[in-house]
PDB file of N, CA and C in Angstrom:
ATOM      1  N   MET A   1       0.853  -1.171   0.000  1.00  0.00           N
ATOM      2  CA  MET A   1       0.000   0.000   0.000  1.00  0.00           C
ATOM      3  C   MET A   1       0.903   1.239   0.000  1.00  0.00           C
ATOM      4  N   THR A   2       0.443   2.274  -0.670  1.00  0.00           N
ATOM      5  CA  THR A   2       1.237   3.491  -0.803  1.00  0.00           C
ATOM      6  C   THR A   2       0.494   4.691  -0.232  1.00  0.00           C
ATOM      7  N   VAL A   3       1.218   5.513   0.509  1.00  0.00           N
ATOM      8  CA  VAL A   3       0.718   6.802   0.990  1.00  0.00           C
ATOM      9  C   VAL A   3       1.599   7.867   0.359  1.00  0.00           C
ATOM     10  N   ARG A   4       0.989   8.797  -0.356  1.00  0.00           N
ATOM     11  CA  ARG A   4       1.732   9.890  -0.991  1.00  0.00           C
ATOM     12  C   ARG A   4       1.777  11.082  -0.042  1.00  0.00           C
ATOM     13  N   GLU A   5       2.909  11.751  -0.006  1.00  0.00           N
ATOM     14  CA  GLU A   5       3.061  12.992   0.762  1.00  0.00           C
ATOM     15  C   GLU A   5       3.046  14.118  -0.254  1.00  0.00           C
ATOM     16  N   ASP A   6       1.920  14.821  -0.322  1.00  0.00           N
ATOM     17  CA  ASP A   6       1.739  15.837  -1.358  1.00  0.00           C
ATOM     18  C   ASP A   6       0.783  16.913  -0.857  1.00  0.00           C
ATOM     19  N   HIS A   7       1.043  18.161  -1.230  1.00  0.00           N
ATOM     20  CA  HIS A   7       0.220  19.304  -0.819  1.00  0.00           C
ATOM     21  C   HIS A   7       0.106  19.385   0.705  1.00  0.00           C
ATOM     22  N   PHE A   8       1.196  18.992   1.400  1.00  0.00           N
ATOM     23  CA  PHE A   8       1.245  19.017   2.861  1.00  0.00           C
ATOM     24  C   PHE A   8       0.159  18.152   3.483  1.00  0.00           C
ATOM     25  N   LEU A   9      -0.122  17.014   2.814  1.00  0.00           N
ATOM     26  CA  LEU A   9      -1.096  16.026   3.279  1.00  0.00           C
ATOM     27  C   LEU A   9      -0.531  14.628   3.079  1.00  0.00           C
ATOM     28  N   PHE A  10      -1.035  13.663   3.842  1.00  0.00           N
ATOM     29  CA  PHE A  10      -0.824  12.253   3.559  1.00  0.00           C
ATOM     30  C   PHE A  10      -2.039  11.793   2.763  1.00  0.00           C
ATOM     31  N   LEU A  11      -1.821  11.202   1.602  1.00  0.00           N
ATOM     32  CA  LEU A  11      -2.908  10.785   0.718  1.00  0.00           C
ATOM     33  C   LEU A  11      -2.818   9.291   0.441  1.00  0.00           C
ATOM     34  N   PRO A  12      -3.736   8.450   0.978  1.00  0.00           N
ATOM     35  CA  PRO A  12      -4.854   8.818   1.848  1.00  0.00           C
ATOM     36  C   PRO A  12      -4.386   9.055   3.287  1.00  0.00           C
ATOM     37  N   SER A  13      -5.184   9.797   4.025  1.00  0.00           N
ATOM     38  CA  SER A  13      -4.820  10.094   5.410  1.00  0.00           C
ATOM     39  C   SER A  13      -5.218   8.958   6.346  1.00  0.00           C
ATOM     40  N   ALA A  14      -6.171   8.142   5.955  1.00  0.00           N
ATOM     41  CA  ALA A  14      -6.586   6.979   6.744  1.00  0.00           C
ATOM     42  C   ALA A  14      -6.505   5.751   5.853  1.00  0.00           C
ATOM     43  N   LEU A  15      -5.886   4.702   6.369  1.00  0.00           N
ATOM     44  CA  LEU A  15      -5.678   3.495   5.590  1.00  0.00           C
ATOM     45  C   LEU A  15      -5.985   2.302   6.485  1.00  0.00           C
ATOM     46  N   THR A  16      -6.841   1.382   5.997  1.00  0.00           N
ATOM     47  CA  THR A  16      -7.136   0.153   6.716  1.00  0.00           C
ATOM     48  C   THR A  16      -6.528  -0.998   5.938  1.00  0.00           C
ATOM     49  N   ILE A  17      -5.691  -1.790   6.621  1.00  0.00           N
ATOM     50  CA  ILE A  17      -4.929  -2.841   5.949  1.00  0.00           C
ATOM     51  C   ILE A  17      -4.983  -4.132   6.754  1.00  0.00           C
ATOM     52  N   PRO A  18      -4.763  -5.281   6.103  1.00  0.00           N
ATOM     53  CA  PRO A  18      -4.643  -6.532   6.859  1.00  0.00           C
ATOM     54  C   PRO A  18      -3.251  -6.652   7.474  1.00  0.00           C
ATOM     55  N   SER A  19      -3.144  -7.435   8.534  1.00  0.00           N
ATOM     56  CA  SER A  19      -1.860  -7.683   9.178  1.00  0.00           C
ATOM     57  C   SER A  19      -0.871  -8.257   8.167  1.00  0.00           C
ATOM     58  N   GLY A  20       0.387  -7.834   8.287  1.00  0.00           N
ATOM     59  CA  GLY A  20       1.429  -8.295   7.378  1.00  0.00           C
ATOM     60  C   GLY A  20       1.630  -7.422   6.157  1.00  0.00           C
ATOM     61  N   THR A  21       0.858  -6.350   6.048  1.00  0.00           N
ATOM     62  CA  THR A  21       0.949  -5.437   4.905  1.00  0.00           C
ATOM     63  C   THR A  21       2.070  -4.428   5.111  1.00  0.00           C
ATOM     64  N   THR A  22       2.806  -4.155   4.044  1.00  0.00           N
ATOM     65  CA  THR A  22       3.830  -3.116   4.060  1.00  0.00           C
ATOM     66  C   THR A  22       3.236  -1.833   3.503  1.00  0.00           C
ATOM     67  N   VAL A  23       3.418  -0.742   4.234  1.00  0.00           N
ATOM     68  CA  VAL A  23       2.976   0.580   3.788  1.00  0.00           C
ATOM     69  C   VAL A  23       4.227   1.379   3.422  1.00  0.00           C
ATOM     70  N   THR A  24       4.179   2.019   2.250  1.00  0.00           N
ATOM     71  CA  THR A  24       5.288   2.844   1.783  1.00  0.00           C
ATOM     72  C   THR A  24       4.823   4.283   1.635  1.00  0.00           C
ATOM     73  N   TRP A  25       5.542   5.195   2.286  1.00  0.00           N
ATOM     74  CA  TRP A  25       5.287   6.623   2.162  1.00  0.00           C
ATOM     75  C   TRP A  25       6.258   7.177   1.128  1.00  0.00           C
ATOM     76  N   ILE A  26       5.758   7.975   0.190  1.00  0.00           N
ATOM     77  CA  ILE A  26       6.586   8.576  -0.858  1.00  0.00           C
ATOM     78  C   ILE A  26       6.377  10.084  -0.852  1.00  0.00           C
ATOM     79  N   ASN A  27       7.478  10.838  -0.782  1.00  0.00           N
ATOM     80  CA  ASN A  27       7.387  12.300  -0.809  1.00  0.00           C
ATOM     81  C   ASN A  27       7.315  12.777  -2.257  1.00  0.00           C
ATOM     82  N   ASP A  28       6.212  13.424  -2.605  1.00  0.00           N
ATOM     83  CA  ASP A  28       5.976  13.916  -3.960  1.00  0.00           C
ATOM     84  C   ASP A  28       6.186  15.422  -4.108  1.00  0.00           C
ATOM     85  N   GLU A  29       6.760  16.069  -3.105  1.00  0.00           N
ATOM     86  CA  GLU A  29       6.973  17.511  -3.230  1.00  0.00           C
ATOM     87  C   GLU A  29       8.318  17.932  -2.665  1.00  0.00           C
ATOM     88  N   ARG A  30       8.717  19.183  -2.961  1.00  0.00           N
ATOM     89  CA  ARG A  30      10.034  19.673  -2.576  1.00  0.00           C
ATOM     90  C   ARG A  30      10.223  19.822  -1.070  1.00  0.00           C
ATOM     91  N   ALA A  31       9.153  20.098  -0.343  1.00  0.00           N
ATOM     92  CA  ALA A  31       9.260  20.239   1.118  1.00  0.00           C
ATOM     93  C   ALA A  31       9.651  18.906   1.740  1.00  0.00           C
ATOM     94  N   LYS A  32      10.506  18.949   2.771  1.00  0.00           N
ATOM     95  CA  LYS A  32      10.838  17.739   3.510  1.00  0.00           C
ATOM     96  C   LYS A  32       9.645  17.315   4.338  1.00  0.00           C
ATOM     97  N   HIS A  33       9.478  15.986   4.458  1.00  0.00           N
ATOM     98  CA  HIS A  33       8.419  15.428   5.295  1.00  0.00           C
ATOM     99  C   HIS A  33       8.992  14.279   6.103  1.00  0.00           C
ATOM    100  N   THR A  34       8.228  13.855   7.117  1.00  0.00           N
ATOM    101  CA  THR A  34       8.516  12.630   7.851  1.00  0.00           C
ATOM    102  C   THR A  34       7.212  11.871   8.023  1.00  0.00           C
ATOM    103  N   ALA A  35       7.321  10.582   8.261  1.00  0.00           N
ATOM    104  CA  ALA A  35       6.199   9.762   8.713  1.00  0.00           C
ATOM    105  C   ALA A  35       6.627   9.262  10.086  1.00  0.00           C
ATOM    106  N   THR A  36       6.092   9.884  11.125  1.00  0.00           N
ATOM    107  CA  THR A  36       6.530   9.654  12.496  1.00  0.00           C
ATOM    108  C   THR A  36       5.354   9.173  13.337  1.00  0.00           C
ATOM    109  N   ALA A  37       5.457   7.972  13.889  1.00  0.00           N
ATOM    110  CA  ALA A  37       4.380   7.430  14.723  1.00  0.00           C
ATOM    111  C   ALA A  37       4.202   8.265  15.978  1.00  0.00           C
ATOM    112  N   ASP A  38       2.950   8.482  16.372  1.00  0.00           N
ATOM    113  CA  ASP A  38       2.666   9.237  17.598  1.00  0.00           C
ATOM    114  C   ASP A  38       3.394   8.637  18.798  1.00  0.00           C
ATOM    115  N   ASP A  39       3.504   7.294  18.840  1.00  0.00           N
ATOM    116  CA  ASP A  39       4.135   6.630  19.981  1.00  0.00           C
ATOM    117  C   ASP A  39       5.615   6.331  19.762  1.00  0.00           C
ATOM    118  N   GLY A  40       6.174   6.803  18.647  1.00  0.00           N
ATOM    119  CA  GLY A  40       7.592   6.609  18.365  1.00  0.00           C
ATOM    120  C   GLY A  40       7.942   5.242  17.793  1.00  0.00           C
ATOM    121  N   ALA A  41       6.944   4.415  17.468  1.00  0.00           N
ATOM    122  CA  ALA A  41       7.198   3.059  16.966  1.00  0.00           C
ATOM    123  C   ALA A  41       7.914   3.048  15.617  1.00  0.00           C
ATOM    124  N   PHE A  42       7.713   4.084  14.816  1.00  0.00           N
ATOM    125  CA  PHE A  42       8.446   4.218  13.561  1.00  0.00           C
ATOM    126  C   PHE A  42       8.671   5.683  13.252  1.00  0.00           C
ATOM    127  N   ASP A  43       9.724   5.954  12.478  1.00  0.00           N
ATOM    128  CA  ASP A  43      10.060   7.321  12.089  1.00  0.00           C
ATOM    129  C   ASP A  43      10.916   7.260  10.827  1.00  0.00           C
ATOM    130  N   SER A  44      10.418   7.852   9.779  1.00  0.00           N
ATOM    131  CA  SER A  44      11.118   7.812   8.494  1.00  0.00           C
ATOM    132  C   SER A  44      12.380   8.659   8.473  1.00  0.00           C
ATOM    133  N   GLY A  45      12.493   9.601   9.398  1.00  0.00           N
ATOM    134  CA  GLY A  45      13.551  10.597   9.258  1.00  0.00           C
ATOM    135  C   GLY A  45      13.184  11.518   8.100  1.00  0.00           C
ATOM    136  N   ASN A  46      14.077  12.413   7.754  1.00  0.00           N
ATOM    137  CA  ASN A  46      13.780  13.370   6.679  1.00  0.00           C
ATOM    138  C   ASN A  46      13.617  12.661   5.348  1.00  0.00           C
ATOM    139  N   GLN A  47      12.531  12.970   4.661  1.00  0.00           N
ATOM    140  CA  GLN A  47      12.295  12.467   3.317  1.00  0.00           C
ATOM    141  C   GLN A  47      12.307  13.652   2.358  1.00  0.00           C
ATOM    142  N   ASP A  48      13.258  13.655   1.441  1.00  0.00           N
ATOM    143  CA  ASP A  48      13.303  14.673   0.399  1.00  0.00           C
ATOM    144  C   ASP A  48      12.450  14.226  -0.780  1.00  0.00           C
ATOM    145  N   LEU A  49      12.274  15.097  -1.738  1.00  0.00           N
ATOM    146  CA  LEU A  49      11.499  14.810  -2.940  1.00  0.00           C
ATOM    147  C   LEU A  49      11.918  13.471  -3.539  1.00  0.00           C
ATOM    148  N   GLY A  50      10.938  12.588  -3.753  1.00  0.00           N
ATOM    149  CA  GLY A  50      11.176  11.300  -4.394  1.00  0.00           C
ATOM    150  C   GLY A  50      11.614  10.190  -3.464  1.00  0.00           C
ATOM    151  N   GLN A  51      11.932  10.497  -2.221  1.00  0.00           N
ATOM    152  CA  GLN A  51      12.365   9.455  -1.298  1.00  0.00           C
ATOM    153  C   GLN A  51      11.172   8.708  -0.711  1.00  0.00           C
ATOM    154  N   SER A  52      11.402   7.446  -0.382  1.00  0.00           N
ATOM    155  CA  SER A  52      10.339   6.621   0.191  1.00  0.00           C
ATOM    156  C   SER A  52      10.811   5.974   1.489  1.00  0.00           C
ATOM    157  N   TYR A  53       9.836   5.502   2.247  1.00  0.00           N
ATOM    158  CA  TYR A  53      10.077   4.841   3.529  1.00  0.00           C
ATOM    159  C   TYR A  53       8.981   3.801   3.709  1.00  0.00           C
ATOM    160  N   SER A  54       9.351   2.602   4.158  1.00  0.00           N
ATOM    161  CA  SER A  54       8.371   1.514   4.296  1.00  0.00           C
ATOM    162  C   SER A  54       8.371   0.917   5.689  1.00  0.00           C
ATOM    163  N   VAL A  55       7.178   0.490   6.132  1.00  0.00           N
ATOM    164  CA  VAL A  55       6.996  -0.206   7.400  1.00  0.00           C
ATOM    165  C   VAL A  55       6.032  -1.358   7.160  1.00  0.00           C
ATOM    166  N   THR A  56       6.347  -2.535   7.698  1.00  0.00           N
ATOM    167  CA  THR A  56       5.430  -3.674   7.652  1.00  0.00           C
ATOM    168  C   THR A  56       4.695  -3.741   8.983  1.00  0.00           C
ATOM    169  N   PHE A  57       3.374  -3.776   8.913  1.00  0.00           N
ATOM    170  CA  PHE A  57       2.528  -3.799  10.102  1.00  0.00           C
ATOM    171  C   PHE A  57       2.066  -5.230  10.357  1.00  0.00           C
ATOM    172  N   ASN A  58       2.650  -5.877  11.376  1.00  0.00           N
ATOM    173  CA  ASN A  58       2.343  -7.272  11.680  1.00  0.00           C
ATOM    174  C   ASN A  58       1.383  -7.439  12.849  1.00  0.00           C
ATOM    175  N   GLU A  59       1.103  -6.362  13.567  1.00  0.00           N
ATOM    176  CA  GLU A  59       0.210  -6.435  14.723  1.00  0.00           C
ATOM    177  C   GLU A  59      -1.042  -5.609  14.482  1.00  0.00           C
ATOM    178  N   SER A  60      -2.165  -6.092  15.017  1.00  0.00           N
ATOM    179  CA  SER A  60      -3.418  -5.343  14.908  1.00  0.00           C
ATOM    180  C   SER A  60      -3.370  -4.119  15.804  1.00  0.00           C
ATOM    181  N   GLY A  61      -4.063  -3.085  15.383  1.00  0.00           N
ATOM    182  CA  GLY A  61      -4.138  -1.882  16.192  1.00  0.00           C
ATOM    183  C   GLY A  61      -4.370  -0.652  15.336  1.00  0.00           C
ATOM    184  N   VAL A  62      -4.370   0.481  15.992  1.00  0.00           N
ATOM    185  CA  VAL A  62      -4.511   1.777  15.333  1.00  0.00           C
ATOM    186  C   VAL A  62      -3.192   2.508  15.525  1.00  0.00           C
ATOM    187  N   PHE A  63      -2.605   2.970  14.417  1.00  0.00           N
ATOM    188  CA  PHE A  63      -1.285   3.578  14.437  1.00  0.00           C
ATOM    189  C   PHE A  63      -1.341   4.995  13.860  1.00  0.00           C
ATOM    190  N   PRO A  64      -1.590   5.992  14.724  1.00  0.00           N
ATOM    191  CA  PRO A  64      -1.589   7.379  14.256  1.00  0.00           C
ATOM    192  C   PRO A  64      -0.151   7.855  14.028  1.00  0.00           C
ATOM    193  N   TYR A  65       0.020   8.719  13.044  1.00  0.00           N
ATOM    194  CA  TYR A  65       1.341   9.255  12.724  1.00  0.00           C
ATOM    195  C   TYR A  65       1.200  10.675  12.191  1.00  0.00           C
ATOM    196  N   TYR A  66       2.335  11.361  12.036  1.00  0.00           N
ATOM    197  CA  TYR A  66       2.309  12.756  11.602  1.00  0.00           C
ATOM    198  C   TYR A  66       3.642  13.119  10.962  1.00  0.00           C
ATOM    199  N   CYS A  67       3.694  14.280  10.338  1.00  0.00           N
ATOM    200  CA  CYS A  67       4.933  14.846   9.818  1.00  0.00           C
ATOM    201  C   CYS A  67       5.485  15.792  10.881  1.00  0.00           C
ATOM    202  N   ARG A  68       6.757  15.588  11.272  1.00  0.00           N
ATOM    203  CA  ARG A  68       7.351  16.435  12.311  1.00  0.00           C
ATOM    204  C   ARG A  68       7.469  17.894  11.889  1.00  0.00           C
ATOM    205  N   TYR A  69       7.460  18.182  10.583  1.00  0.00           N
ATOM    206  CA  TYR A  69       7.576  19.558  10.094  1.00  0.00           C
ATOM    207  C   TYR A  69       6.221  20.246   9.932  1.00  0.00           C
ATOM    208  N   HIS A  70       5.195  19.496   9.580  1.00  0.00           N
ATOM    209  CA  HIS A  70       3.926  20.108   9.189  1.00  0.00           C
ATOM    210  C   HIS A  70       2.721  19.572   9.957  1.00  0.00           C
ATOM    211  N   GLY A  71       2.953  18.855  11.027  1.00  0.00           N
ATOM    212  CA  GLY A  71       1.861  18.306  11.825  1.00  0.00           C
ATOM    213  C   GLY A  71       2.322  18.078  13.250  1.00  0.00           C
ATOM    214  N   ASP A  72       1.518  17.328  13.989  1.00  0.00           N
ATOM    215  CA  ASP A  72       1.861  16.980  15.363  1.00  0.00           C
ATOM    216  C   ASP A  72       1.049  15.765  15.767  1.00  0.00           C
ATOM    217  N   SER A  73       1.476  15.108  16.845  1.00  0.00           N
ATOM    218  CA  SER A  73       0.735  13.948  17.337  1.00  0.00           C
ATOM    219  C   SER A  73      -0.680  14.362  17.695  1.00  0.00           C
ATOM    220  N   GLY A  74      -1.569  13.390  17.716  1.00  0.00           N
ATOM    221  CA  GLY A  74      -2.963  13.673  18.031  1.00  0.00           C
ATOM    222  C   GLY A  74      -3.764  14.130  16.824  1.00  0.00           C
ATOM    223  N   GLY A  75      -3.230  13.936  15.617  1.00  0.00           N
ATOM    224  CA  GLY A  75      -3.977  14.259  14.410  1.00  0.00           C
ATOM    225  C   GLY A  75      -3.920  15.709  13.998  1.00  0.00           C
ATOM    226  N   VAL A  76      -2.930  16.451  14.451  1.00  0.00           N
ATOM    227  CA  VAL A  76      -2.817  17.877  14.131  1.00  0.00           C
ATOM    228  C   VAL A  76      -2.099  18.072  12.792  1.00  0.00           C
ATOM    229  N   GLY A  77      -2.689  18.892  11.921  1.00  0.00           N
ATOM    230  CA  GLY A  77      -2.039  19.245  10.660  1.00  0.00           C
ATOM    231  C   GLY A  77      -1.831  18.057   9.756  1.00  0.00           C
ATOM    232  N   MET A  78      -0.598  17.903   9.236  1.00  0.00           N
ATOM    233  CA  MET A  78      -0.256  16.795   8.342  1.00  0.00           C
ATOM    234  C   MET A  78      -0.134  15.531   9.188  1.00  0.00           C
ATOM    235  N   ALA A  79      -1.211  14.753   9.247  1.00  0.00           N
ATOM    236  CA  ALA A  79      -1.290  13.571  10.093  1.00  0.00           C
ATOM    237  C   ALA A  79      -2.117  12.499   9.404  1.00  0.00           C
ATOM    238  N   GLY A  80      -1.931  11.269   9.836  1.00  0.00           N
ATOM    239  CA  GLY A  80      -2.690  10.161   9.265  1.00  0.00           C
ATOM    240  C   GLY A  80      -2.821   9.029  10.258  1.00  0.00           C
ATOM    241  N   THR A  81      -3.538   7.984   9.833  1.00  0.00           N
ATOM    242  CA  THR A  81      -3.785   6.833  10.684  1.00  0.00           C
ATOM    243  C   THR A  81      -3.751   5.545   9.857  1.00  0.00           C
ATOM    244  N   ILE A  82      -3.049   4.552  10.381  1.00  0.00           N
ATOM    245  CA  ILE A  82      -3.068   3.213   9.808  1.00  0.00           C
ATOM    246  C   ILE A  82      -3.864   2.327  10.762  1.00  0.00           C
ATOM    247  N   VAL A  83      -4.865   1.621  10.249  1.00  0.00           N
ATOM    248  CA  VAL A  83      -5.659   0.682  11.042  1.00  0.00           C
ATOM    249  C   VAL A  83      -5.379  -0.715  10.510  1.00  0.00           C
ATOM    250  N   VAL A  84      -4.897  -1.580  11.397  1.00  0.00           N
ATOM    251  CA  VAL A  84      -4.562  -2.954  11.014  1.00  0.00           C
ATOM    252  C   VAL A  84      -5.568  -3.905  11.640  1.00  0.00           C
TER     253      VAL A  84
END
């Protein structure tokens, strides 16, 4: 599954996937972005234009995340949610 980082949004912002699915975030714009879990479970680090980052979700749960530059934990600004 792919999440695009574009127009200062995660597209789609909410994704429901089965366990064992790999999600890849791809930065489609010049601004740096991150995909950072609210609980710190994953963090892409800086993603420049065209860079990608992947995580495989093997456990059920709700995994909110955000961009450290354009959002914040708790769904503020550039934020999204993975539901497994």
